[in-house]
Amino acid sequence: MRRVLAAALAGLILAPAGCGLNVEEPDLFALTRTGPGHALSMVVNSDGAIRCDAGEQKMLSSAQVIQARDLADDLYNDSKRTLTIPRAPGTVYYYRIRMQQGTISFPDLAARRHRELSEATLFAAQAAQRPCGLGG
């Protein structure tokens, strides 16, 4: 009886450890871009999945996954302090990046002075084209 009880307990303890469970990785960030033409929205997951404009989930290339993870790391402090840069004259696109720590909002012109915001605008354009198949 003890062996049966021990085996049952072991099974209960080991079952959640991954035996076929469908565990999802957390999202790195959700990015929206508004401006002339088509608004863009994307959610990037830490396992490399991306969903653009609420469409079908696609996979990023290995290089894009690394780029997205680096970008999330670079934006961590700004998101934690909820960086908000208002629209300025000459703004074409306005970006909002939601992360677990907070939200960053900025116009495209702010990318000139902030390297990490420049990287975010570049990532958005490249990911919109590939793998999402949208215009940059």
C-alpha atoms as a PDB file:
ATOM      1  CA  MET A   1       0.000   0.000   0.000  1.00  0.00           C
ATOM      2  CA  ARG A   2       2.878   2.369   0.828  1.00  0.00           C
ATOM      3  CA  ARG A   3       4.408   1.759  -2.606  1.00  0.00           C
ATOM      4  CA  VAL A   4       1.124   2.578  -4.335  1.00  0.00           C
ATOM      5  CA  LEU A   5       0.724   5.751  -2.270  1.00  0.00           C
ATOM      6  CA  ALA A   6       4.341   6.788  -2.922  1.00  0.00           C
ATOM      7  CA  ALA A   7       3.940   6.169  -6.660  1.00  0.00           C
ATOM      8  CA  ALA A   8       0.722   8.210  -6.738  1.00  0.00           C
ATOM      9  CA  LEU A   9       2.379  11.091  -4.878  1.00  0.00           C
ATOM     10  CA  ALA A  10       5.368  11.011  -7.204  1.00  0.00           C
ATOM     11  CA  GLY A  11       3.044  11.139 -10.187  1.00  0.00           C
ATOM     12  CA  LEU A  12       1.232  14.159  -8.797  1.00  0.00           C
ATOM     13  CA  ILE A  13       4.490  15.968  -8.121  1.00  0.00           C
ATOM     14  CA  LEU A  14       6.076  15.187 -11.497  1.00  0.00           C
ATOM     15  CA  ALA A  15       2.997  15.716 -13.693  1.00  0.00           C
ATOM     16  CA  PRO A  16       3.213  19.535 -13.752  1.00  0.00           C
ATOM     17  CA  ALA A  17       6.933  19.407 -14.545  1.00  0.00           C
ATOM     18  CA  GLY A  18       6.260  19.414 -18.272  1.00  0.00           C
ATOM     19  CA  CYS A  19       4.942  16.041 -19.367  1.00  0.00           C
ATOM     20  CA  GLY A  20       2.972  17.332 -22.320  1.00  0.00           C
ATOM     21  CA  LEU A  21       1.676  20.498 -20.691  1.00  0.00           C
ATOM     22  CA  ASN A  22       1.155  23.414 -23.033  1.00  0.00           C
ATOM     23  CA  VAL A  23       2.975  26.190 -21.166  1.00  0.00           C
ATOM     24  CA  GLU A  24       3.014  29.588 -22.842  1.00  0.00           C
ATOM     25  CA  GLU A  25       5.869  32.017 -22.491  1.00  0.00           C
ATOM     26  CA  PRO A  26       5.092  35.576 -21.381  1.00  0.00           C
ATOM     27  CA  ASP A  27       4.763  38.469 -23.801  1.00  0.00           C
ATOM     28  CA  LEU A  28       7.801  40.716 -24.141  1.00  0.00           C
ATOM     29  CA  PHE A  29       5.780  43.717 -25.285  1.00  0.00           C
ATOM     30  CA  ALA A  30       2.766  44.951 -27.206  1.00  0.00           C
ATOM     31  CA  LEU A  31       3.486  47.724 -29.683  1.00  0.00           C
ATOM     32  CA  THR A  32       1.047  49.990 -31.487  1.00  0.00           C
ATOM     33  CA  ARG A  33       1.881  52.549 -34.141  1.00  0.00           C
ATOM     34  CA  THR A  34      -0.621  55.166 -35.250  1.00  0.00           C
ATOM     35  CA  GLY A  35      -0.293  57.734 -37.981  1.00  0.00           C
ATOM     36  CA  PRO A  36      -1.154  58.091 -41.650  1.00  0.00           C
ATOM     37  CA  GLY A  37      -2.407  54.985 -43.364  1.00  0.00           C
ATOM     38  CA  HIS A  38      -2.829  51.657 -41.641  1.00  0.00           C
ATOM     39  CA  ALA A  39      -2.393  51.543 -37.842  1.00  0.00           C
ATOM     40  CA  LEU A  40      -0.108  48.734 -36.708  1.00  0.00           C
ATOM     41  CA  SER A  41      -0.403  46.589 -33.607  1.00  0.00           C
ATOM     42  CA  MET A  42       1.800  43.675 -32.641  1.00  0.00           C
ATOM     43  CA  VAL A  43       2.319  41.462 -29.624  1.00  0.00           C
ATOM     44  CA  VAL A  44       5.740  39.836 -29.323  1.00  0.00           C
ATOM     45  CA  ASN A  45       6.153  36.769 -27.135  1.00  0.00           C
ATOM     46  CA  SER A  46       9.426  35.711 -25.511  1.00  0.00           C
ATOM     47  CA  ASP A  47       9.318  32.346 -27.322  1.00  0.00           C
ATOM     48  CA  GLY A  48       9.486  34.139 -30.690  1.00  0.00           C
ATOM     49  CA  ALA A  49       5.813  34.262 -31.609  1.00  0.00           C
ATOM     50  CA  ILE A  50       4.364  37.476 -33.012  1.00  0.00           C
ATOM     51  CA  ARG A  51       0.774  38.421 -33.710  1.00  0.00           C
ATOM     52  CA  CYS A  52       0.188  41.451 -35.939  1.00  0.00           C
ATOM     53  CA  ASP A  53      -3.110  43.303 -36.157  1.00  0.00           C
ATOM     54  CA  ALA A  54      -4.865  40.490 -34.258  1.00  0.00           C
ATOM     55  CA  GLY A  55      -4.028  38.144 -37.132  1.00  0.00           C
ATOM     56  CA  GLU A  56      -2.577  34.685 -37.206  1.00  0.00           C
ATOM     57  CA  GLN A  57       0.398  34.015 -34.945  1.00  0.00           C
ATOM     58  CA  LYS A  58       3.702  33.801 -36.831  1.00  0.00           C
ATOM     59  CA  MET A  59       7.250  33.055 -35.758  1.00  0.00           C
ATOM     60  CA  LEU A  60      10.135  35.506 -35.731  1.00  0.00           C
ATOM     61  CA  SER A  61      13.532  34.495 -37.068  1.00  0.00           C
ATOM     62  CA  SER A  62      16.208  33.679 -34.485  1.00  0.00           C
ATOM     63  CA  ALA A  63      17.839  37.050 -35.114  1.00  0.00           C
ATOM     64  CA  GLN A  64      14.506  38.844 -34.619  1.00  0.00           C
ATOM     65  CA  VAL A  65      13.857  36.955 -31.355  1.00  0.00           C
ATOM     66  CA  ILE A  66      17.237  38.112 -30.044  1.00  0.00           C
ATOM     67  CA  GLN A  67      16.494  41.637 -31.267  1.00  0.00           C
ATOM     68  CA  ALA A  68      13.081  41.624 -29.515  1.00  0.00           C
ATOM     69  CA  ARG A  69      14.525  40.330 -26.245  1.00  0.00           C
ATOM     70  CA  ASP A  70      17.320  42.913 -26.340  1.00  0.00           C
ATOM     71  CA  LEU A  71      14.782  45.622 -27.082  1.00  0.00           C
ATOM     72  CA  ALA A  72      12.634  44.579 -24.104  1.00  0.00           C
ATOM     73  CA  ASP A  73      15.744  44.737 -21.884  1.00  0.00           C
ATOM     74  CA  ASP A  74      16.687  48.162 -23.270  1.00  0.00           C
ATOM     75  CA  LEU A  75      13.174  49.522 -22.702  1.00  0.00           C
ATOM     76  CA  TYR A  76      12.829  48.130 -19.168  1.00  0.00           C
ATOM     77  CA  ASN A  77      13.806  51.293 -17.263  1.00  0.00           C
ATOM     78  CA  ASP A  78      11.780  53.608 -19.501  1.00  0.00           C
ATOM     79  CA  SER A  79       8.702  51.402 -19.126  1.00  0.00           C
ATOM     80  CA  LYS A  80       9.168  51.195 -15.359  1.00  0.00           C
ATOM     81  CA  ARG A  81       9.021  54.990 -15.109  1.00  0.00           C
ATOM     82  CA  THR A  82       6.216  55.189 -17.716  1.00  0.00           C
ATOM     83  CA  LEU A  83       8.114  57.345 -20.202  1.00  0.00           C
ATOM     84  CA  THR A  84       5.741  59.573 -22.152  1.00  0.00           C
ATOM     85  CA  ILE A  85       7.007  61.973 -24.802  1.00  0.00           C
ATOM     86  CA  PRO A  86       4.215  64.097 -26.309  1.00  0.00           C
ATOM     87  CA  ARG A  87       3.663  64.569 -30.016  1.00  0.00           C
ATOM     88  CA  ALA A  88       5.719  67.362 -31.492  1.00  0.00           C
ATOM     89  CA  PRO A  89       5.274  69.385 -34.670  1.00  0.00           C
ATOM     90  CA  GLY A  90       6.346  67.226 -37.586  1.00  0.00           C
ATOM     91  CA  THR A  91       5.391  63.925 -35.913  1.00  0.00           C
ATOM     92  CA  VAL A  92       4.320  61.315 -38.445  1.00  0.00           C
ATOM     93  CA  TYR A  93       3.907  58.185 -36.308  1.00  0.00           C
ATOM     94  CA  TYR A  94       3.186  57.819 -32.617  1.00  0.00           C
ATOM     95  CA  TYR A  95       4.204  54.657 -30.772  1.00  0.00           C
ATOM     96  CA  ARG A  96       2.942  53.023 -27.596  1.00  0.00           C
ATOM     97  CA  ILE A  97       4.789  50.053 -26.126  1.00  0.00           C
ATOM     98  CA  ARG A  98       3.144  48.197 -23.257  1.00  0.00           C
ATOM     99  CA  MET A  99       5.301  45.981 -21.073  1.00  0.00           C
ATOM    100  CA  GLN A 100       4.703  44.269 -17.763  1.00  0.00           C
ATOM    101  CA  GLN A 101       6.453  47.129 -15.931  1.00  0.00           C
ATOM    102  CA  GLY A 102       4.593  49.984 -17.624  1.00  0.00           C
ATOM    103  CA  THR A 103       3.988  51.801 -20.891  1.00  0.00           C
ATOM    104  CA  ILE A 104       6.185  53.952 -23.108  1.00  0.00           C
ATOM    105  CA  SER A 105       4.609  56.469 -25.513  1.00  0.00           C
ATOM    106  CA  PHE A 106       6.602  58.529 -27.979  1.00  0.00           C
ATOM    107  CA  PRO A 107       6.554  60.204 -31.402  1.00  0.00           C
ATOM    108  CA  ASP A 108       8.811  59.015 -34.191  1.00  0.00           C
ATOM    109  CA  LEU A 109      10.915  62.191 -33.801  1.00  0.00           C
ATOM    110  CA  ALA A 110      11.994  61.084 -30.302  1.00  0.00           C
ATOM    111  CA  ALA A 111      13.871  58.181 -31.878  1.00  0.00           C
ATOM    112  CA  ARG A 112      16.514  60.652 -33.037  1.00  0.00           C
ATOM    113  CA  ARG A 113      17.614  61.267 -29.452  1.00  0.00           C
ATOM    114  CA  HIS A 114      16.932  57.916 -27.805  1.00  0.00           C
ATOM    115  CA  ARG A 115      18.758  54.869 -29.177  1.00  0.00           C
ATOM    116  CA  GLU A 116      16.318  52.371 -27.654  1.00  0.00           C
ATOM    117  CA  LEU A 117      13.328  54.180 -29.178  1.00  0.00           C
ATOM    118  CA  SER A 118      15.073  54.158 -32.547  1.00  0.00           C
ATOM    119  CA  GLU A 119      15.544  50.405 -32.170  1.00  0.00           C
ATOM    120  CA  ALA A 120      11.831  50.042 -31.363  1.00  0.00           C
ATOM    121  CA  THR A 121      10.755  51.910 -34.511  1.00  0.00           C
ATOM    122  CA  LEU A 122      13.147  49.828 -36.617  1.00  0.00           C
ATOM    123  CA  PHE A 123      11.914  46.580 -35.065  1.00  0.00           C
ATOM    124  CA  ALA A 124       8.295  47.581 -35.733  1.00  0.00           C
ATOM    125  CA  ALA A 125       8.995  48.343 -39.401  1.00  0.00           C
ATOM    126  CA  GLN A 126      11.011  45.163 -39.987  1.00  0.00           C
ATOM    127  CA  ALA A 127       8.584  42.887 -38.130  1.00  0.00           C
ATOM    128  CA  ALA A 128       5.621  44.404 -39.973  1.00  0.00           C
ATOM    129  CA  GLN A 129       7.277  43.475 -43.272  1.00  0.00           C
ATOM    130  CA  ARG A 130       8.642  40.084 -42.210  1.00  0.00           C
ATOM    131  CA  PRO A 131       7.110  37.914 -40.777  1.00  0.00           C
ATOM    132  CA  CYS A 132       3.787  39.777 -40.628  1.00  0.00           C
ATOM    133  CA  GLY A 133       3.704  40.503 -44.349  1.00  0.00           C
ATOM    134  CA  LEU A 134       2.346  44.024 -43.891  1.00  0.00           C
ATOM    135  CA  GLY A 135       3.705  47.273 -45.231  1.00  0.00           C
ATOM    136  CA  GLY A 136       6.572  48.725 -43.136  1.00  0.00           C
END
